[in-house]
N, C-alpha and C. Protein backbone atom coordinates (compact mmCIF):
# COMPACT_ATOMS: atom_id res chain seq x y z
N MET A 1 124.36 116.64 93.85
CA MET A 1 123.04 117.21 93.80
C MET A 1 122.04 116.07 93.65
N VAL A 2 121.02 116.13 94.46
CA VAL A 2 120.00 115.09 94.45
C VAL A 2 118.64 115.77 94.44
N PRO A 3 117.75 115.44 93.47
CA PRO A 3 116.40 116.01 93.51
C PRO A 3 115.70 115.58 94.79
N ASN A 4 115.04 116.51 95.47
CA ASN A 4 114.42 116.22 96.75
C ASN A 4 113.16 117.07 96.89
N ASN A 5 111.99 116.47 96.74
CA ASN A 5 110.73 117.19 96.90
C ASN A 5 110.65 118.44 96.05
N GLY A 6 111.02 118.35 94.78
CA GLY A 6 110.94 119.50 93.89
C GLY A 6 112.10 120.47 94.00
N SER A 7 113.13 120.10 94.74
CA SER A 7 114.31 120.96 94.90
C SER A 7 115.56 120.22 94.48
N ILE A 8 116.56 120.99 94.11
CA ILE A 8 117.91 120.46 93.88
C ILE A 8 118.74 120.90 95.08
N VAL A 9 119.49 119.98 95.66
CA VAL A 9 120.29 120.27 96.84
C VAL A 9 121.74 119.94 96.55
N LEU A 10 122.64 120.83 96.92
CA LEU A 10 124.08 120.60 96.79
C LEU A 10 124.62 120.25 98.17
N TYR A 11 125.32 119.12 98.25
CA TYR A 11 125.86 118.64 99.52
C TYR A 11 127.37 118.77 99.54
N SER A 12 127.93 119.00 100.73
CA SER A 12 129.38 119.15 100.88
C SER A 12 130.09 117.83 101.10
N LYS A 13 129.33 116.79 101.46
CA LYS A 13 129.94 115.48 101.74
C LYS A 13 128.86 114.40 101.68
N PRO A 14 129.27 113.14 101.57
CA PRO A 14 128.29 112.04 101.58
C PRO A 14 127.56 111.96 102.92
N PHE A 15 126.38 111.38 102.92
CA PHE A 15 125.62 111.25 104.16
C PHE A 15 124.92 109.90 104.19
N GLN A 16 124.55 109.48 105.39
CA GLN A 16 123.91 108.17 105.59
C GLN A 16 122.45 108.27 106.01
N ASN A 17 122.05 109.41 106.56
CA ASN A 17 120.68 109.54 107.04
C ASN A 17 120.21 110.99 106.89
N ALA A 18 118.95 111.23 107.24
CA ALA A 18 118.35 112.55 107.06
C ALA A 18 119.06 113.63 107.87
N GLU A 19 119.48 113.31 109.08
CA GLU A 19 120.17 114.30 109.92
C GLU A 19 121.50 114.70 109.30
N GLU A 20 122.26 113.72 108.82
CA GLU A 20 123.55 114.01 108.16
C GLU A 20 123.32 114.78 106.86
N ALA A 21 122.23 114.46 106.15
CA ALA A 21 121.92 115.18 104.91
C ALA A 21 121.66 116.65 105.20
N LYS A 22 120.93 116.91 106.28
CA LYS A 22 120.63 118.30 106.65
C LYS A 22 121.91 119.06 106.96
N GLU A 23 122.84 118.42 107.67
CA GLU A 23 124.12 119.05 108.01
C GLU A 23 125.01 119.24 106.79
N ALA A 24 124.92 118.33 105.81
CA ALA A 24 125.79 118.38 104.63
C ALA A 24 125.27 119.31 103.53
N ALA A 25 123.99 119.71 103.62
CA ALA A 25 123.41 120.58 102.59
C ALA A 25 124.04 121.97 102.66
N ILE A 26 124.56 122.44 101.52
CA ILE A 26 125.17 123.78 101.52
C ILE A 26 124.37 124.80 100.71
N CYS A 27 123.49 124.35 99.83
CA CYS A 27 122.55 125.25 99.17
C CYS A 27 121.50 124.42 98.45
N SER A 28 120.38 125.06 98.17
CA SER A 28 119.32 124.37 97.46
C SER A 28 118.48 125.39 96.69
N ALA A 29 117.71 124.88 95.76
CA ALA A 29 116.80 125.74 94.99
C ALA A 29 115.64 124.90 94.49
N LYS A 30 114.47 125.52 94.42
CA LYS A 30 113.29 124.85 93.89
C LYS A 30 113.38 124.77 92.37
N VAL A 31 112.93 123.65 91.83
CA VAL A 31 112.87 123.46 90.39
C VAL A 31 111.44 123.78 89.96
N PRO A 32 111.26 124.65 88.94
CA PRO A 32 109.90 124.95 88.49
C PRO A 32 109.16 123.65 88.15
N SER A 33 107.92 123.52 88.62
CA SER A 33 107.19 122.26 88.47
C SER A 33 106.96 121.86 87.02
N LYS A 34 106.89 122.81 86.11
CA LYS A 34 106.64 122.48 84.71
C LYS A 34 107.92 122.38 83.89
N ALA A 35 109.06 122.55 84.52
CA ALA A 35 110.34 122.51 83.79
C ALA A 35 110.66 121.10 83.33
N LYS A 36 110.96 120.97 82.05
CA LYS A 36 111.40 119.68 81.49
C LYS A 36 112.92 119.60 81.53
N SER A 37 113.59 120.75 81.47
CA SER A 37 115.04 120.83 81.61
C SER A 37 115.36 122.15 82.31
N ALA A 38 116.53 122.22 82.92
CA ALA A 38 116.86 123.41 83.70
C ALA A 38 118.35 123.73 83.59
N ILE A 39 118.65 125.00 83.80
CA ILE A 39 120.03 125.46 83.94
C ILE A 39 120.20 125.81 85.41
N ILE A 40 121.26 125.30 86.01
CA ILE A 40 121.51 125.57 87.42
C ILE A 40 122.76 126.43 87.52
N VAL A 41 122.63 127.58 88.18
CA VAL A 41 123.76 128.48 88.40
C VAL A 41 124.08 128.44 89.89
N ILE A 42 125.35 128.14 90.21
CA ILE A 42 125.80 128.10 91.60
C ILE A 42 126.93 129.11 91.74
N VAL A 43 126.79 130.03 92.68
CA VAL A 43 127.78 131.09 92.87
C VAL A 43 128.20 131.09 94.33
N GLY A 44 129.52 131.17 94.57
CA GLY A 44 130.03 131.31 95.93
C GLY A 44 129.71 132.69 96.46
N MET A 45 129.26 132.77 97.69
CA MET A 45 128.92 134.04 98.31
C MET A 45 130.13 134.57 99.08
N PRO A 46 130.11 135.85 99.48
CA PRO A 46 131.24 136.41 100.23
C PRO A 46 131.52 135.62 101.51
N PRO A 47 132.79 135.59 101.95
CA PRO A 47 133.13 134.86 103.18
C PRO A 47 132.25 135.31 104.35
N GLY A 48 131.85 134.34 105.16
CA GLY A 48 131.02 134.63 106.32
C GLY A 48 129.53 134.64 106.02
N THR A 49 129.16 134.49 104.76
CA THR A 49 127.75 134.48 104.37
C THR A 49 127.18 133.08 104.60
N ASP A 50 125.94 133.03 105.09
CA ASP A 50 125.28 131.76 105.28
C ASP A 50 123.96 131.79 104.52
N PRO A 51 123.75 130.96 103.54
CA PRO A 51 124.63 129.88 103.11
C PRO A 51 125.82 130.39 102.31
N ALA A 52 126.85 129.56 102.21
CA ALA A 52 128.09 129.94 101.54
C ALA A 52 127.94 129.99 100.02
N TYR A 53 126.89 129.35 99.50
CA TYR A 53 126.64 129.32 98.06
C TYR A 53 125.21 129.72 97.78
N LYS A 54 124.99 130.30 96.62
CA LYS A 54 123.65 130.65 96.14
C LYS A 54 123.39 129.80 94.91
N MET A 55 122.27 129.11 94.89
CA MET A 55 121.89 128.28 93.74
C MET A 55 120.59 128.84 93.17
N VAL A 56 120.57 128.99 91.86
CA VAL A 56 119.38 129.48 91.17
C VAL A 56 119.09 128.53 90.01
N VAL A 57 117.83 128.18 89.84
CA VAL A 57 117.41 127.29 88.76
C VAL A 57 116.64 128.11 87.73
N LEU A 58 117.06 128.00 86.47
CA LEU A 58 116.36 128.66 85.37
C LEU A 58 115.69 127.59 84.52
N ASP A 59 114.41 127.79 84.23
CA ASP A 59 113.70 126.88 83.34
C ASP A 59 114.34 127.00 81.96
N ASP A 60 114.81 125.88 81.43
CA ASP A 60 115.56 125.85 80.17
C ASP A 60 114.67 125.52 78.97
N GLY A 61 113.38 125.42 79.18
CA GLY A 61 112.49 125.07 78.08
C GLY A 61 112.45 126.16 77.01
N PRO A 62 112.17 125.77 75.76
CA PRO A 62 112.20 126.74 74.66
C PRO A 62 111.21 127.88 74.81
N SER A 63 110.08 127.67 75.47
CA SER A 63 109.15 128.79 75.67
C SER A 63 109.53 129.63 76.88
N ALA A 64 110.19 129.04 77.87
CA ALA A 64 110.59 129.78 79.06
C ALA A 64 111.85 130.61 78.84
N PHE A 65 112.77 130.12 77.99
CA PHE A 65 114.03 130.81 77.72
C PHE A 65 114.37 130.63 76.25
N PRO A 66 113.68 131.39 75.37
CA PRO A 66 113.89 131.22 73.93
C PRO A 66 115.28 131.64 73.47
N LYS A 67 115.69 131.06 72.36
CA LYS A 67 116.96 131.45 71.74
C LYS A 67 116.90 132.95 71.45
N GLY A 68 118.04 133.61 71.57
CA GLY A 68 118.13 135.04 71.29
C GLY A 68 117.89 135.90 72.51
N GLU A 69 117.27 135.36 73.56
CA GLU A 69 117.01 136.13 74.77
C GLU A 69 118.16 135.99 75.76
N SER A 70 118.13 136.82 76.79
CA SER A 70 119.12 136.76 77.85
C SER A 70 118.40 136.76 79.19
N ARG A 71 119.14 136.38 80.23
CA ARG A 71 118.65 136.46 81.60
C ARG A 71 119.75 137.10 82.43
N ALA A 72 119.35 137.83 83.47
CA ALA A 72 120.32 138.43 84.38
C ALA A 72 119.92 138.09 85.80
N LEU A 73 120.91 137.80 86.62
CA LEU A 73 120.71 137.48 88.02
C LEU A 73 121.63 138.37 88.84
N SER A 74 121.05 139.22 89.67
CA SER A 74 121.84 140.09 90.53
C SER A 74 121.94 139.47 91.92
N LEU A 75 123.16 139.32 92.40
CA LEU A 75 123.39 138.79 93.75
C LEU A 75 124.03 139.84 94.65
N ILE A 76 123.86 141.11 94.29
CA ILE A 76 124.41 142.19 95.12
C ILE A 76 123.27 142.80 95.94
N PRO A 77 123.59 143.33 97.13
CA PRO A 77 122.53 143.81 98.03
C PRO A 77 122.04 145.23 97.75
N VAL A 78 122.42 145.82 96.62
CA VAL A 78 121.98 147.17 96.29
C VAL A 78 121.22 147.14 94.96
N ASP A 79 120.50 148.23 94.67
CA ASP A 79 119.79 148.33 93.40
C ASP A 79 120.78 148.25 92.25
N ALA A 80 120.41 147.52 91.21
CA ALA A 80 121.24 147.40 90.02
C ALA A 80 120.34 147.50 88.79
N ALA A 81 120.97 147.73 87.64
CA ALA A 81 120.21 147.84 86.39
C ALA A 81 121.10 147.43 85.23
N ILE A 82 120.45 147.08 84.13
CA ILE A 82 121.17 146.74 82.90
C ILE A 82 120.59 147.57 81.76
N GLU A 83 121.48 148.04 80.91
CA GLU A 83 121.09 148.70 79.67
C GLU A 83 121.72 147.89 78.56
N ILE A 84 120.89 147.27 77.75
CA ILE A 84 121.37 146.33 76.74
C ILE A 84 120.62 146.60 75.44
N GLY A 85 121.31 147.14 74.45
CA GLY A 85 120.64 147.54 73.23
C GLY A 85 119.55 148.54 73.54
N GLU A 86 118.32 148.23 73.17
CA GLU A 86 117.19 149.13 73.40
C GLU A 86 116.52 148.92 74.76
N HIS A 87 116.99 147.97 75.55
CA HIS A 87 116.35 147.63 76.82
C HIS A 87 117.06 148.29 78.01
N LYS A 88 116.26 148.86 78.92
CA LYS A 88 116.76 149.39 80.19
C LYS A 88 115.91 148.74 81.27
N LEU A 89 116.53 147.87 82.07
CA LEU A 89 115.77 147.06 83.01
C LEU A 89 116.39 147.08 84.40
N PRO A 90 115.54 147.10 85.45
CA PRO A 90 116.06 146.98 86.81
C PRO A 90 116.44 145.53 87.10
N LEU A 91 117.43 145.34 87.95
CA LEU A 91 117.84 144.00 88.37
C LEU A 91 117.57 143.89 89.86
N GLU A 92 116.55 143.13 90.21
CA GLU A 92 116.18 142.94 91.60
C GLU A 92 117.06 141.85 92.21
N SER A 93 117.64 142.13 93.35
CA SER A 93 118.57 141.20 93.99
C SER A 93 117.91 139.84 94.24
N GLY A 94 118.60 138.78 93.79
CA GLY A 94 118.13 137.42 94.00
C GLY A 94 117.09 136.94 93.02
N LYS A 95 116.66 137.79 92.10
CA LYS A 95 115.62 137.42 91.13
C LYS A 95 116.21 137.34 89.73
N ILE A 96 115.56 136.57 88.88
CA ILE A 96 115.98 136.44 87.49
C ILE A 96 115.24 137.48 86.66
N CYS A 97 115.99 138.27 85.91
CA CYS A 97 115.42 139.29 85.03
C CYS A 97 115.41 138.75 83.61
N LYS A 98 114.22 138.73 82.99
CA LYS A 98 114.10 138.29 81.60
C LYS A 98 114.42 139.47 80.69
N ILE A 99 115.34 139.25 79.76
CA ILE A 99 115.74 140.30 78.82
C ILE A 99 115.34 139.84 77.42
N PRO A 100 114.43 140.55 76.77
CA PRO A 100 114.02 140.16 75.42
C PRO A 100 115.20 140.21 74.44
N ALA A 101 115.02 139.58 73.30
CA ALA A 101 116.07 139.60 72.27
C ALA A 101 116.41 141.04 71.93
N VAL A 102 117.70 141.29 71.73
CA VAL A 102 118.18 142.63 71.39
C VAL A 102 117.99 142.86 69.90
N LYS A 103 117.32 143.93 69.55
CA LYS A 103 117.08 144.26 68.14
C LYS A 103 118.01 145.38 67.66
N ARG A 104 118.37 146.31 68.57
CA ARG A 104 119.22 147.44 68.19
C ARG A 104 120.69 147.03 68.27
N LYS A 105 121.20 146.55 67.11
CA LYS A 105 122.57 146.06 67.02
C LYS A 105 123.22 146.69 65.79
N ASN A 106 124.55 146.64 65.75
CA ASN A 106 125.25 147.14 64.56
C ASN A 106 125.34 146.02 63.52
N ASP A 107 126.07 146.29 62.43
CA ASP A 107 126.18 145.32 61.34
C ASP A 107 126.86 144.01 61.75
N PHE A 108 127.57 144.03 62.88
CA PHE A 108 128.27 142.85 63.37
C PHE A 108 127.50 142.18 64.51
N ASN A 109 126.21 142.54 64.66
CA ASN A 109 125.34 142.02 65.72
C ASN A 109 125.82 142.38 67.11
N MET A 110 126.55 143.49 67.23
CA MET A 110 127.06 143.95 68.51
C MET A 110 126.11 145.01 69.09
N ALA A 111 125.96 144.99 70.41
CA ALA A 111 125.14 145.99 71.10
C ALA A 111 125.86 146.40 72.38
N GLN A 112 125.70 147.67 72.73
CA GLN A 112 126.28 148.16 73.97
C GLN A 112 125.56 147.50 75.14
N THR A 113 126.32 147.05 76.12
CA THR A 113 125.78 146.36 77.29
C THR A 113 126.41 146.99 78.53
N ASN A 114 125.59 147.70 79.32
CA ASN A 114 126.09 148.41 80.49
C ASN A 114 125.37 147.93 81.75
N PHE A 115 126.12 147.80 82.83
CA PHE A 115 125.57 147.44 84.13
C PHE A 115 125.82 148.59 85.09
N TYR A 116 124.83 148.85 85.96
CA TYR A 116 124.91 149.96 86.90
C TYR A 116 124.49 149.49 88.29
N TYR A 117 124.99 150.17 89.31
CA TYR A 117 124.45 149.99 90.66
C TYR A 117 124.17 151.36 91.23
N ARG A 118 123.22 151.41 92.17
CA ARG A 118 122.85 152.70 92.77
C ARG A 118 123.73 152.96 93.98
N ASN A 119 124.34 154.14 93.98
CA ASN A 119 125.14 154.62 95.10
C ASN A 119 124.48 155.90 95.58
N GLU A 120 123.73 155.80 96.67
CA GLU A 120 122.92 156.90 97.20
C GLU A 120 121.95 157.37 96.13
N ASP A 121 122.14 158.57 95.55
CA ASP A 121 121.16 159.10 94.60
C ASP A 121 121.61 159.04 93.14
N ARG A 122 122.69 158.31 92.84
CA ARG A 122 123.14 158.26 91.45
C ARG A 122 123.44 156.83 91.03
N TRP A 123 123.34 156.60 89.71
CA TRP A 123 123.65 155.30 89.13
C TRP A 123 125.11 155.30 88.69
N VAL A 124 125.85 154.29 89.13
CA VAL A 124 127.28 154.19 88.83
C VAL A 124 127.50 153.01 87.87
N PRO A 125 128.09 153.28 86.69
CA PRO A 125 128.39 152.17 85.79
C PRO A 125 129.56 151.35 86.33
N PHE A 126 129.45 150.03 86.28
CA PHE A 126 130.59 149.21 86.73
C PHE A 126 131.06 148.24 85.66
N THR A 127 130.28 148.03 84.64
CA THR A 127 130.72 147.23 83.49
C THR A 127 130.07 147.84 82.25
N GLU A 128 130.92 148.16 81.27
CA GLU A 128 130.43 148.70 79.99
C GLU A 128 131.19 147.98 78.89
N ARG A 129 130.46 147.33 77.99
CA ARG A 129 131.13 146.61 76.92
C ARG A 129 130.20 146.38 75.73
N GLN A 130 130.81 146.15 74.59
CA GLN A 130 130.08 145.76 73.40
C GLN A 130 130.03 144.23 73.40
N MET A 131 128.84 143.68 73.18
CA MET A 131 128.70 142.23 73.14
C MET A 131 127.92 141.85 71.90
N GLN A 132 128.18 140.64 71.43
CA GLN A 132 127.50 140.15 70.23
C GLN A 132 126.25 139.37 70.64
N TYR A 133 125.14 139.70 69.99
CA TYR A 133 123.87 139.04 70.26
C TYR A 133 123.36 138.39 68.98
N LEU A 134 123.35 137.07 68.97
CA LEU A 134 122.92 136.30 67.81
C LEU A 134 121.62 135.56 68.13
N GLU A 135 120.84 135.26 67.11
CA GLU A 135 119.55 134.61 67.30
C GLU A 135 119.65 133.23 67.93
N ASP A 136 120.75 132.51 67.70
CA ASP A 136 120.90 131.16 68.23
C ASP A 136 121.57 131.11 69.60
N TYR A 137 121.98 132.26 70.14
CA TYR A 137 122.68 132.31 71.43
C TYR A 137 121.72 132.77 72.52
N ARG A 138 121.96 132.27 73.72
CA ARG A 138 121.30 132.78 74.91
C ARG A 138 122.41 133.18 75.87
N ARG A 139 122.19 134.26 76.62
CA ARG A 139 123.19 134.72 77.58
C ARG A 139 122.58 134.76 78.98
N ILE A 140 123.42 134.41 79.95
CA ILE A 140 123.06 134.56 81.35
C ILE A 140 124.12 135.45 81.97
N PHE A 141 123.69 136.56 82.57
CA PHE A 141 124.59 137.48 83.26
C PHE A 141 124.40 137.28 84.76
N VAL A 142 125.49 137.06 85.48
CA VAL A 142 125.44 136.93 86.94
C VAL A 142 126.22 138.11 87.51
N VAL A 143 125.52 138.98 88.24
CA VAL A 143 126.13 140.14 88.88
C VAL A 143 126.42 139.75 90.32
N HIS A 144 127.70 139.82 90.70
CA HIS A 144 128.08 139.38 92.04
C HIS A 144 129.27 140.18 92.54
N VAL A 145 129.65 139.92 93.77
CA VAL A 145 130.79 140.59 94.39
C VAL A 145 131.88 139.55 94.62
N THR A 146 133.12 139.93 94.33
CA THR A 146 134.25 139.06 94.62
C THR A 146 135.00 139.64 95.81
N PRO A 147 135.62 138.79 96.63
CA PRO A 147 136.33 139.29 97.81
C PRO A 147 137.39 140.34 97.44
N GLY A 148 137.39 141.45 98.17
CA GLY A 148 138.36 142.51 97.96
C GLY A 148 138.02 143.48 96.85
N ALA A 149 136.94 143.23 96.13
CA ALA A 149 136.57 144.10 95.01
C ALA A 149 135.94 145.39 95.51
N VAL A 150 136.12 146.47 94.74
CA VAL A 150 135.51 147.75 95.09
C VAL A 150 134.22 148.00 94.30
N ALA A 151 133.94 147.12 93.35
CA ALA A 151 132.72 147.22 92.55
C ALA A 151 132.24 145.81 92.21
N PRO A 152 130.97 145.67 91.88
CA PRO A 152 130.47 144.36 91.48
C PRO A 152 131.16 143.85 90.21
N THR A 153 131.00 142.56 89.97
CA THR A 153 131.56 141.89 88.80
C THR A 153 130.40 141.25 88.03
N VAL A 154 130.56 141.16 86.71
CA VAL A 154 129.57 140.47 85.89
C VAL A 154 130.24 139.26 85.25
N THR A 155 129.67 138.10 85.47
CA THR A 155 130.11 136.89 84.78
C THR A 155 129.07 136.59 83.71
N SER A 156 129.53 136.41 82.48
CA SER A 156 128.63 136.13 81.36
C SER A 156 128.75 134.67 80.95
N ILE A 157 127.62 134.01 80.82
CA ILE A 157 127.58 132.63 80.36
C ILE A 157 126.85 132.65 79.02
N VAL A 158 127.47 132.07 78.00
CA VAL A 158 126.85 132.02 76.67
C VAL A 158 126.43 130.59 76.40
N ASP A 159 125.17 130.42 76.08
CA ASP A 159 124.61 129.12 75.74
C ASP A 159 124.38 129.09 74.24
N ILE A 160 125.13 128.27 73.56
CA ILE A 160 125.05 128.18 72.11
C ILE A 160 124.21 126.96 71.74
N ALA A 161 123.32 127.14 70.79
CA ALA A 161 122.50 126.01 70.34
C ALA A 161 123.42 124.93 69.80
N PRO A 162 123.24 123.68 70.23
CA PRO A 162 124.12 122.61 69.74
C PRO A 162 123.97 122.39 68.24
N ALA A 163 125.08 122.13 67.61
CA ALA A 163 125.07 121.83 66.17
C ALA A 163 124.59 120.40 65.98
N PRO A 164 123.83 120.14 64.93
CA PRO A 164 123.39 118.77 64.69
C PRO A 164 124.58 117.86 64.40
N VAL A 165 124.49 116.65 64.87
CA VAL A 165 125.57 115.68 64.64
C VAL A 165 125.49 115.24 63.18
N PRO A 166 126.60 115.36 62.44
CA PRO A 166 126.55 114.96 61.03
C PRO A 166 126.36 113.45 60.90
N LYS A 167 125.62 113.07 59.89
CA LYS A 167 125.41 111.65 59.62
C LYS A 167 126.59 111.12 58.83
N GLU A 168 126.93 109.88 59.12
CA GLU A 168 128.04 109.25 58.39
C GLU A 168 127.60 108.98 56.96
N PRO A 169 128.51 109.23 56.01
CA PRO A 169 128.14 108.95 54.62
C PRO A 169 127.93 107.44 54.42
N GLY A 170 127.03 107.14 53.58
CA GLY A 170 126.89 105.72 53.27
C GLY A 170 125.55 105.27 53.25
């Protein structure tokens, strides 16, 4: 990956000139101009899809993605939604959905987390689970399709705040 005019580009092989770079590029994404740090999510797309990979850049700054919040990215071509604690939100394909911190949790900080897709006139649940939501954690949900699957899949990425490095005694 090489920053290029405000974008991150993933290449399949080394290149020597601009023409080879264009041929070797397999996906790219714009980096938000005010981002000081970023999270890059790269997902393989179904066979025969062009481009073969989807790259999404999330602004990783503390005001853009605060601790305790989650983000969801839907890569499926149908309407999808998430129900997470007290939040019910639509997931627009190819867009990042901001999910506020979950407040409705049990004594173990667990909240019901359900994903749905629209099949004609009804919403079909495809993932239902209890997940733990802590103030120092951030979650990224990627909704995608795997080859041969009959329903979408959700991959969850948990970003834990780094622990401070202990100082040596002395």
